[in-house]
PDB file of N, CA and C in Angstrom:
ATOM      1  N   MET A   1      15.584 -12.291  22.687  1.00  0.00           N
ATOM      2  CA  MET A   1      15.440 -11.390  21.572  1.00  0.00           C
ATOM      3  C   MET A   1      13.969 -10.997  21.443  1.00  0.00           C
ATOM      4  N   GLU A   2      13.735  -9.743  21.235  1.00  0.00           N
ATOM      5  CA  GLU A   2      12.375  -9.240  21.102  1.00  0.00           C
ATOM      6  C   GLU A   2      12.071  -8.923  19.639  1.00  0.00           C
ATOM      7  N   ILE A   3      10.884  -9.307  19.208  1.00  0.00           N
ATOM      8  CA  ILE A   3      10.457  -9.028  17.840  1.00  0.00           C
ATOM      9  C   ILE A   3       9.729  -7.692  17.828  1.00  0.00           C
ATOM     10  N   ARG A   4      10.040  -6.851  16.858  1.00  0.00           N
ATOM     11  CA  ARG A   4       9.363  -5.558  16.742  1.00  0.00           C
ATOM     12  C   ARG A   4       7.980  -5.786  16.148  1.00  0.00           C
ATOM     13  N   LYS A   5       6.966  -5.388  16.909  1.00  0.00           N
ATOM     14  CA  LYS A   5       5.574  -5.660  16.545  1.00  0.00           C
ATOM     15  C   LYS A   5       5.159  -4.964  15.252  1.00  0.00           C
ATOM     16  N   ARG A   6       5.506  -3.708  15.126  1.00  0.00           N
ATOM     17  CA  ARG A   6       5.101  -2.955  13.942  1.00  0.00           C
ATOM     18  C   ARG A   6       5.776  -3.489  12.682  1.00  0.00           C
ATOM     19  N   ALA A   7       7.050  -3.867  12.795  1.00  0.00           N
ATOM     20  CA  ALA A   7       7.777  -4.388  11.631  1.00  0.00           C
ATOM     21  C   ALA A   7       7.188  -5.711  11.151  1.00  0.00           C
ATOM     22  N   LEU A   8       6.869  -6.597  12.084  1.00  0.00           N
ATOM     23  CA  LEU A   8       6.277  -7.873  11.696  1.00  0.00           C
ATOM     24  C   LEU A   8       4.870  -7.664  11.144  1.00  0.00           C
ATOM     25  N   GLY A   9       4.135  -6.731  11.728  1.00  0.00           N
ATOM     26  CA  GLY A   9       2.792  -6.434  11.233  1.00  0.00           C
ATOM     27  C   GLY A   9       2.808  -5.915   9.809  1.00  0.00           C
ATOM     28  N   ILE A  10       3.707  -4.997   9.520  1.00  0.00           N
ATOM     29  CA  ILE A  10       3.813  -4.458   8.158  1.00  0.00           C
ATOM     30  C   ILE A  10       4.251  -5.546   7.185  1.00  0.00           C
ATOM     31  N   SER A  11       5.192  -6.374   7.589  1.00  0.00           N
ATOM     32  CA  SER A  11       5.687  -7.433   6.702  1.00  0.00           C
ATOM     33  C   SER A  11       4.593  -8.432   6.354  1.00  0.00           C
ATOM     34  N   ILE A  12       3.908  -8.937   7.348  1.00  0.00           N
ATOM     35  CA  ILE A  12       2.856  -9.916   7.092  1.00  0.00           C
ATOM     36  C   ILE A  12       1.680  -9.257   6.375  1.00  0.00           C
ATOM     37  N   GLY A  13       1.383  -8.012   6.722  1.00  0.00           N
ATOM     38  CA  GLY A  13       0.307  -7.298   6.047  1.00  0.00           C
ATOM     39  C   GLY A  13       0.570  -7.129   4.564  1.00  0.00           C
ATOM     40  N   LEU A  14       1.793  -6.753   4.212  1.00  0.00           N
ATOM     41  CA  LEU A  14       2.142  -6.604   2.794  1.00  0.00           C
ATOM     42  C   LEU A  14       2.074  -7.932   2.050  1.00  0.00           C
ATOM     43  N   VAL A  15       2.593  -8.967   2.669  1.00  0.00           N
ATOM     44  CA  VAL A  15       2.572 -10.275   2.016  1.00  0.00           C
ATOM     45  C   VAL A  15       1.136 -10.748   1.798  1.00  0.00           C
ATOM     46  N   TRP A  16       0.293 -10.639   2.812  1.00  0.00           N
ATOM     47  CA  TRP A  16      -1.074 -11.125   2.683  1.00  0.00           C
ATOM     48  C   TRP A  16      -1.887 -10.261   1.715  1.00  0.00           C
ATOM     49  N   GLY A  17      -1.741  -8.960   1.806  1.00  0.00           N
ATOM     50  CA  GLY A  17      -2.466  -8.072   0.903  1.00  0.00           C
ATOM     51  C   GLY A  17      -2.078  -8.282  -0.549  1.00  0.00           C
ATOM     52  N   LEU A  18      -0.782  -8.371  -0.807  1.00  0.00           N
ATOM     53  CA  LEU A  18      -0.317  -8.606  -2.169  1.00  0.00           C
ATOM     54  C   LEU A  18      -0.732  -9.984  -2.676  1.00  0.00           C
ATOM     55  N   THR A  19      -0.775 -10.963  -1.790  1.00  0.00           N
ATOM     56  CA  THR A  19      -1.213 -12.299  -2.186  1.00  0.00           C
ATOM     57  C   THR A  19      -2.656 -12.281  -2.667  1.00  0.00           C
ATOM     58  N   ILE A  20      -3.520 -11.599  -1.933  1.00  0.00           N
ATOM     59  CA  ILE A  20      -4.922 -11.509  -2.343  1.00  0.00           C
ATOM     60  C   ILE A  20      -5.045 -10.784  -3.677  1.00  0.00           C
ATOM     61  N   MET A  21      -4.360  -9.652  -3.810  1.00  0.00           N
ATOM     62  CA  MET A  21      -4.465  -8.874  -5.041  1.00  0.00           C
ATOM     63  C   MET A  21      -3.915  -9.645  -6.238  1.00  0.00           C
ATOM     64  N   LEU A  22      -2.731 -10.204  -6.104  1.00  0.00           N
ATOM     65  CA  LEU A  22      -2.115 -10.901  -7.228  1.00  0.00           C
ATOM     66  C   LEU A  22      -2.858 -12.189  -7.574  1.00  0.00           C
ATOM     67  N   ALA A  23      -3.388 -12.882  -6.577  1.00  0.00           N
ATOM     68  CA  ALA A  23      -4.174 -14.087  -6.860  1.00  0.00           C
ATOM     69  C   ALA A  23      -5.439 -13.738  -7.625  1.00  0.00           C
ATOM     70  N   THR A  24      -6.088 -12.650  -7.244  1.00  0.00           N
ATOM     71  CA  THR A  24      -7.291 -12.216  -7.953  1.00  0.00           C
ATOM     72  C   THR A  24      -6.954 -11.825  -9.385  1.00  0.00           C
ATOM     73  N   TRP A  25      -5.918 -11.024  -9.562  1.00  0.00           N
ATOM     74  CA  TRP A  25      -5.528 -10.603 -10.904  1.00  0.00           C
ATOM     75  C   TRP A  25      -5.124 -11.804 -11.761  1.00  0.00           C
ATOM     76  N   TRP A  26      -4.403 -12.748 -11.183  1.00  0.00           N
ATOM     77  CA  TRP A  26      -3.979 -13.920 -11.929  1.00  0.00           C
ATOM     78  C   TRP A  26      -5.197 -14.716 -12.420  1.00  0.00           C
ATOM     79  N   GLN A  27      -6.175 -14.884 -11.548  1.00  0.00           N
ATOM     80  CA  GLN A  27      -7.378 -15.613 -11.950  1.00  0.00           C
ATOM     81  C   GLN A  27      -8.172 -14.851 -13.008  1.00  0.00           C
ATOM     82  N   LEU A  28      -8.196 -13.528 -12.910  1.00  0.00           N
ATOM     83  CA  LEU A  28      -8.896 -12.723 -13.917  1.00  0.00           C
ATOM     84  C   LEU A  28      -8.211 -12.813 -15.282  1.00  0.00           C
ATOM     85  N   VAL A  29      -6.889 -12.808 -15.290  1.00  0.00           N
ATOM     86  CA  VAL A  29      -6.143 -12.919 -16.545  1.00  0.00           C
ATOM     87  C   VAL A  29      -6.408 -14.281 -17.196  1.00  0.00           C
ATOM     88  N   ARG A  30      -6.533 -15.306 -16.390  1.00  0.00           N
ATOM     89  CA  ARG A  30      -6.766 -16.657 -16.902  1.00  0.00           C
ATOM     90  C   ARG A  30      -8.238 -16.912 -17.227  1.00  0.00           C
ATOM     91  N   ASN A  31      -9.106 -15.921 -16.999  1.00  0.00           N
ATOM     92  CA  ASN A  31     -10.552 -16.053 -17.221  1.00  0.00           C
ATOM     93  C   ASN A  31     -11.167 -17.193 -16.413  1.00  0.00           C
ATOM     94  N   ALA A  32     -10.654 -17.389 -15.215  1.00  0.00           N
ATOM     95  CA  ALA A  32     -11.198 -18.411 -14.317  1.00  0.00           C
ATOM     96  C   ALA A  32     -12.479 -17.882 -13.674  1.00  0.00           C
ATOM     97  N   PRO A  33     -13.374 -18.768 -13.277  1.00  0.00           N
ATOM     98  CA  PRO A  33     -14.640 -18.304 -12.702  1.00  0.00           C
ATOM     99  C   PRO A  33     -14.487 -17.620 -11.342  1.00  0.00           C
ATOM    100  N   GLY A  34     -13.443 -17.907 -10.606  1.00  0.00           N
ATOM    101  CA  GLY A  34     -13.202 -17.236  -9.331  1.00  0.00           C
ATOM    102  C   GLY A  34     -14.146 -17.643  -8.226  1.00  0.00           C
ATOM    103  N   ASN A  35     -14.567 -18.895  -8.227  1.00  0.00           N
ATOM    104  CA  ASN A  35     -15.501 -19.366  -7.210  1.00  0.00           C
ATOM    105  C   ASN A  35     -14.928 -19.286  -5.797  1.00  0.00           C
ATOM    106  N   ILE A  36     -13.681 -19.609  -5.648  1.00  0.00           N
ATOM    107  CA  ILE A  36     -13.073 -19.617  -4.312  1.00  0.00           C
ATOM    108  C   ILE A  36     -12.739 -18.197  -3.867  1.00  0.00           C
ATOM    109  N   LEU A  37     -12.108 -17.410  -4.732  1.00  0.00           N
ATOM    110  CA  LEU A  37     -11.710 -16.053  -4.347  1.00  0.00           C
ATOM    111  C   LEU A  37     -12.911 -15.147  -4.092  1.00  0.00           C
ATOM    112  N   SER A  38     -14.017 -15.390  -4.770  1.00  0.00           N
ATOM    113  CA  SER A  38     -15.184 -14.535  -4.555  1.00  0.00           C
ATOM    114  C   SER A  38     -15.756 -14.702  -3.152  1.00  0.00           C
ATOM    115  N   LYS A  39     -15.414 -15.788  -2.474  1.00  0.00           N
ATOM    116  CA  LYS A  39     -15.878 -15.993  -1.096  1.00  0.00           C
ATOM    117  C   LYS A  39     -15.206 -15.042  -0.102  1.00  0.00           C
ATOM    118  N   LEU A  40     -14.119 -14.389  -0.519  1.00  0.00           N
ATOM    119  CA  LEU A  40     -13.475 -13.398   0.345  1.00  0.00           C
ATOM    120  C   LEU A  40     -14.389 -12.212   0.633  1.00  0.00           C
ATOM    121  N   SER A  41     -15.390 -12.000  -0.217  1.00  0.00           N
ATOM    122  CA  SER A  41     -16.325 -10.896   0.021  1.00  0.00           C
ATOM    123  C   SER A  41     -17.123 -11.103   1.298  1.00  0.00           C
ATOM    124  N   THR A  42     -17.157 -12.334   1.794  1.00  0.00           N
ATOM    125  CA  THR A  42     -17.811 -12.605   3.072  1.00  0.00           C
ATOM    126  C   THR A  42     -17.047 -11.947   4.217  1.00  0.00           C
ATOM    127  N   PHE A  43     -15.719 -11.913   4.114  1.00  0.00           N
ATOM    128  CA  PHE A  43     -14.877 -11.382   5.179  1.00  0.00           C
ATOM    129  C   PHE A  43     -14.444  -9.939   4.948  1.00  0.00           C
ATOM    130  N   TYR A  44     -14.220  -9.581   3.690  1.00  0.00           N
ATOM    131  CA  TYR A  44     -13.690  -8.257   3.367  1.00  0.00           C
ATOM    132  C   TYR A  44     -14.776  -7.417   2.702  1.00  0.00           C
ATOM    133  N   LEU A  45     -15.241  -6.414   3.415  1.00  0.00           N
ATOM    134  CA  LEU A  45     -16.297  -5.531   2.929  1.00  0.00           C
ATOM    135  C   LEU A  45     -15.835  -4.789   1.678  1.00  0.00           C
ATOM    136  N   GLY A  46     -16.590  -4.886   0.604  1.00  0.00           N
ATOM    137  CA  GLY A  46     -16.252  -4.198  -0.631  1.00  0.00           C
ATOM    138  C   GLY A  46     -15.440  -5.015  -1.612  1.00  0.00           C
ATOM    139  N   TYR A  47     -14.919  -6.163  -1.176  1.00  0.00           N
ATOM    140  CA  TYR A  47     -14.138  -6.993  -2.091  1.00  0.00           C
ATOM    141  C   TYR A  47     -15.079  -7.659  -3.088  1.00  0.00           C
ATOM    142  N   SER A  48     -14.643  -7.718  -4.322  1.00  0.00           N
ATOM    143  CA  SER A  48     -15.356  -8.476  -5.345  1.00  0.00           C
ATOM    144  C   SER A  48     -14.322  -9.082  -6.279  1.00  0.00           C
ATOM    145  N   TYR A  49     -14.748 -10.068  -6.993  1.00  0.00           N
ATOM    146  CA  TYR A  49     -13.858 -10.731  -7.938  1.00  0.00           C
ATOM    147  C   TYR A  49     -13.776  -9.878  -9.198  1.00  0.00           C
ATOM    148  N   SER A  50     -12.977  -8.803  -9.113  1.00  0.00           N
ATOM    149  CA  SER A  50     -12.809  -7.868 -10.220  1.00  0.00           C
ATOM    150  C   SER A  50     -11.462  -7.175 -10.052  1.00  0.00           C
ATOM    151  N   TRP A  51     -11.104  -6.367 -11.047  1.00  0.00           N
ATOM    152  CA  TRP A  51      -9.829  -5.650 -10.981  1.00  0.00           C
ATOM    153  C   TRP A  51      -9.822  -4.667  -9.815  1.00  0.00           C
ATOM    154  N   GLY A  52     -10.885  -3.914  -9.665  1.00  0.00           N
ATOM    155  CA  GLY A  52     -10.970  -2.963  -8.555  1.00  0.00           C
ATOM    156  C   GLY A  52     -11.131  -3.655  -7.215  1.00  0.00           C
ATOM    157  N   GLY A  53     -11.854  -4.769  -7.212  1.00  0.00           N
ATOM    158  CA  GLY A  53     -12.027  -5.535  -5.983  1.00  0.00           C
ATOM    159  C   GLY A  53     -10.715  -6.089  -5.464  1.00  0.00           C
ATOM    160  N   ALA A  54      -9.782  -6.356  -6.373  1.00  0.00           N
ATOM    161  CA  ALA A  54      -8.466  -6.851  -5.967  1.00  0.00           C
ATOM    162  C   ALA A  54      -7.715  -5.792  -5.163  1.00  0.00           C
ATOM    163  N   VAL A  55      -7.880  -4.529  -5.537  1.00  0.00           N
ATOM    164  CA  VAL A  55      -7.220  -3.445  -4.796  1.00  0.00           C
ATOM    165  C   VAL A  55      -7.836  -3.315  -3.404  1.00  0.00           C
ATOM    166  N   ILE A  56      -9.151  -3.448  -3.322  1.00  0.00           N
ATOM    167  CA  ILE A  56      -9.812  -3.436  -2.016  1.00  0.00           C
ATOM    168  C   ILE A  56      -9.340  -4.634  -1.190  1.00  0.00           C
ATOM    169  N   GLY A  57      -9.152  -5.781  -1.842  1.00  0.00           N
ATOM    170  CA  GLY A  57      -8.607  -6.953  -1.159  1.00  0.00           C
ATOM    171  C   GLY A  57      -7.200  -6.714  -0.652  1.00  0.00           C
ATOM    172  N   LEU A  58      -6.408  -5.952  -1.409  1.00  0.00           N
ATOM    173  CA  LEU A  58      -5.064  -5.581  -0.956  1.00  0.00           C
ATOM    174  C   LEU A  58      -5.136  -4.781   0.338  1.00  0.00           C
ATOM    175  N   LEU A  59      -6.033  -3.825   0.383  1.00  0.00           N
ATOM    176  CA  LEU A  59      -6.165  -2.985   1.585  1.00  0.00           C
ATOM    177  C   LEU A  59      -6.633  -3.800   2.786  1.00  0.00           C
ATOM    178  N   TRP A  60      -7.693  -4.590   2.588  1.00  0.00           N
ATOM    179  CA  TRP A  60      -8.197  -5.404   3.691  1.00  0.00           C
ATOM    180  C   TRP A  60      -7.177  -6.463   4.101  1.00  0.00           C
ATOM    181  N   GLY A  61      -6.494  -7.038   3.130  1.00  0.00           N
ATOM    182  CA  GLY A  61      -5.475  -8.034   3.447  1.00  0.00           C
ATOM    183  C   GLY A  61      -4.334  -7.438   4.244  1.00  0.00           C
ATOM    184  N   PHE A  62      -3.968  -6.194   3.901  1.00  0.00           N
ATOM    185  CA  PHE A  62      -2.911  -5.532   4.666  1.00  0.00           C
ATOM    186  C   PHE A  62      -3.352  -5.313   6.115  1.00  0.00           C
ATOM    187  N   VAL A  63      -4.572  -4.837   6.299  1.00  0.00           N
ATOM    188  CA  VAL A  63      -5.077  -4.604   7.659  1.00  0.00           C
ATOM    189  C   VAL A  63      -5.146  -5.922   8.431  1.00  0.00           C
ATOM    190  N   ASP A  64      -5.685  -6.939   7.801  1.00  0.00           N
ATOM    191  CA  ASP A  64      -5.811  -8.245   8.423  1.00  0.00           C
ATOM    192  C   ASP A  64      -4.442  -8.822   8.777  1.00  0.00           C
ATOM    193  N   GLY A  65      -3.505  -8.758   7.838  1.00  0.00           N
ATOM    194  CA  GLY A  65      -2.161  -9.269   8.075  1.00  0.00           C
ATOM    195  C   GLY A  65      -1.396  -8.455   9.106  1.00  0.00           C
ATOM    196  N   PHE A  66      -1.608  -7.128   9.105  1.00  0.00           N
ATOM    197  CA  PHE A  66      -0.929  -6.292  10.096  1.00  0.00           C
ATOM    198  C   PHE A  66      -1.375  -6.668  11.500  1.00  0.00           C
ATOM    199  N   ILE A  67      -2.672  -6.830  11.689  1.00  0.00           N
ATOM    200  CA  ILE A  67      -3.187  -7.203  13.013  1.00  0.00           C
ATOM    201  C   ILE A  67      -2.648  -8.568  13.427  1.00  0.00           C
ATOM    202  N   ALA A  68      -2.643  -9.517  12.498  1.00  0.00           N
ATOM    203  CA  ALA A  68      -2.130 -10.854  12.810  1.00  0.00           C
ATOM    204  C   ALA A  68      -0.642 -10.802  13.167  1.00  0.00           C
ATOM    205  N   GLY A  69       0.155 -10.096  12.376  1.00  0.00           N
ATOM    206  CA  GLY A  69       1.580  -9.997  12.654  1.00  0.00           C
ATOM    207  C   GLY A  69       1.877  -9.289  13.963  1.00  0.00           C
ATOM    208  N   PHE A  70       1.122  -8.221  14.239  1.00  0.00           N
ATOM    209  CA  PHE A  70       1.290  -7.488  15.485  1.00  0.00           C
ATOM    210  C   PHE A  70       0.997  -8.395  16.680  1.00  0.00           C
ATOM    211  N   LEU A  71      -0.099  -9.141  16.596  1.00  0.00           N
ATOM    212  CA  LEU A  71      -0.464 -10.033  17.699  1.00  0.00           C
ATOM    213  C   LEU A  71       0.522 -11.177  17.858  1.00  0.00           C
ATOM    214  N   ILE A  72       1.017 -11.722  16.756  1.00  0.00           N
ATOM    215  CA  ILE A  72       2.016 -12.792  16.838  1.00  0.00           C
ATOM    216  C   ILE A  72       3.265 -12.290  17.548  1.00  0.00           C
ATOM    217  N   ALA A  73       3.756 -11.117  17.168  1.00  0.00           N
ATOM    218  CA  ALA A  73       4.952 -10.559  17.809  1.00  0.00           C
ATOM    219  C   ALA A  73       4.690 -10.232  19.268  1.00  0.00           C
ATOM    220  N   TRP A  74       3.520  -9.707  19.559  1.00  0.00           N
ATOM    221  CA  TRP A  74       3.187  -9.346  20.934  1.00  0.00           C
ATOM    222  C   TRP A  74       3.148 -10.581  21.829  1.00  0.00           C
ATOM    223  N   PHE A  75       2.462 -11.647  21.364  1.00  0.00           N
ATOM    224  CA  PHE A  75       2.410 -12.885  22.153  1.00  0.00           C
ATOM    225  C   PHE A  75       3.782 -13.535  22.253  1.00  0.00           C
ATOM    226  N   TYR A  76       4.554 -13.476  21.194  1.00  0.00           N
ATOM    227  CA  TYR A  76       5.902 -14.037  21.233  1.00  0.00           C
ATOM    228  C   TYR A  76       6.743 -13.319  22.284  1.00  0.00           C
ATOM    229  N   ASN A  77       6.698 -11.996  22.299  1.00  0.00           N
ATOM    230  CA  ASN A  77       7.487 -11.227  23.262  1.00  0.00           C
ATOM    231  C   ASN A  77       7.060 -11.521  24.691  1.00  0.00           C
ATOM    232  N   ILE A  78       5.759 -11.667  24.923  1.00  0.00           N
ATOM    233  CA  ILE A  78       5.287 -12.012  26.269  1.00  0.00           C
ATOM    234  C   ILE A  78       5.801 -13.389  26.678  1.00  0.00           C
ATOM    235  N   ALA A  79       5.658 -14.370  25.776  1.00  0.00           N
ATOM    236  CA  ALA A  79       6.117 -15.722  26.087  1.00  0.00           C
ATOM    237  C   ALA A  79       7.627 -15.761  26.262  1.00  0.00           C
ATOM    238  N   ASN A  80       8.355 -15.015  25.441  1.00  0.00           N
ATOM    239  CA  ASN A  80       9.809 -14.988  25.534  1.00  0.00           C
ATOM    240  C   ASN A  80      10.255 -14.415  26.879  1.00  0.00           C
ATOM    241  N   LYS A  81       9.618 -13.332  27.323  1.00  0.00           N
ATOM    242  CA  LYS A  81       9.963 -12.762  28.630  1.00  0.00           C
ATOM    243  C   LYS A  81       9.640 -13.735  29.752  1.00  0.00           C
ATOM    244  N   TRP A  82       8.515 -14.422  29.632  1.00  0.00           N
ATOM    245  CA  TRP A  82       8.094 -15.339  30.665  1.00  0.00           C
ATOM    246  C   TRP A  82       9.047 -16.522  30.769  1.00  0.00           C
ATOM    247  N   PHE A  83       9.442 -17.094  29.617  1.00  0.00           N
ATOM    248  CA  PHE A  83      10.312 -18.256  29.642  1.00  0.00           C
ATOM    249  C   PHE A  83      11.749 -17.911  30.006  1.00  0.00           C
ATOM    250  N   THR A  84      12.244 -16.765  29.538  1.00  0.00           N
ATOM    251  CA  THR A  84      13.621 -16.409  29.890  1.00  0.00           C
ATOM    252  C   THR A  84      13.725 -15.985  31.349  1.00  0.00           C
ATOM    253  N   LYS A  85      12.659 -15.416  31.889  1.00  0.00           N
ATOM    254  CA  LYS A  85      12.657 -15.047  33.298  1.00  0.00           C
ATOM    255  C   LYS A  85      12.693 -16.290  34.172  1.00  0.00           C
ATOM    256  N   SER A  86      11.936 -17.315  33.823  1.00  0.00           N
ATOM    257  CA  SER A  86      11.881 -18.516  34.635  1.00  0.00           C
ATOM    258  C   SER A  86      13.180 -19.335  34.524  1.00  0.00           C
ATOM    259  N   LYS A  87      13.913 -19.205  33.430  1.00  0.00           N
ATOM    260  CA  LYS A  87      15.184 -19.925  33.284  1.00  0.00           C
ATOM    261  C   LYS A  87      16.279 -19.319  34.138  1.00  0.00           C
ATOM    262  N   THR A  88      16.286 -17.995  34.291  1.00  0.00           N
ATOM    263  CA  THR A  88      17.358 -17.336  35.041  1.00  0.00           C
ATOM    264  C   THR A  88      17.144 -17.426  36.544  1.00  0.00           C
ATOM    265  N   THR A  89      15.954 -17.794  36.977  1.00  0.00           N
ATOM    266  CA  THR A  89      15.683 -17.843  38.407  1.00  0.00           C
ATOM    267  C   THR A  89      16.102 -19.118  39.019  1.00  0.00           C
TER     268      THR A  89
END
């Protein structure tokens, strides 16, 4: 069975992007200092621990998750072809 790369990329991208955005918003609603989430600005250009920064985190998280999901599916498909080919021989 082959995994569709684009579908897995979009799925993981949405989950990761929404996780960053909702985690930031949740911490802002609770008036937490955001010490851990503010460190995401090291990786995501433009991200800040703010309402608008959460939206930027959503975008960067989607891109990051899409690339990760695409690569996971791509490597899985390569390994799957390699292992199923060697079993039938």
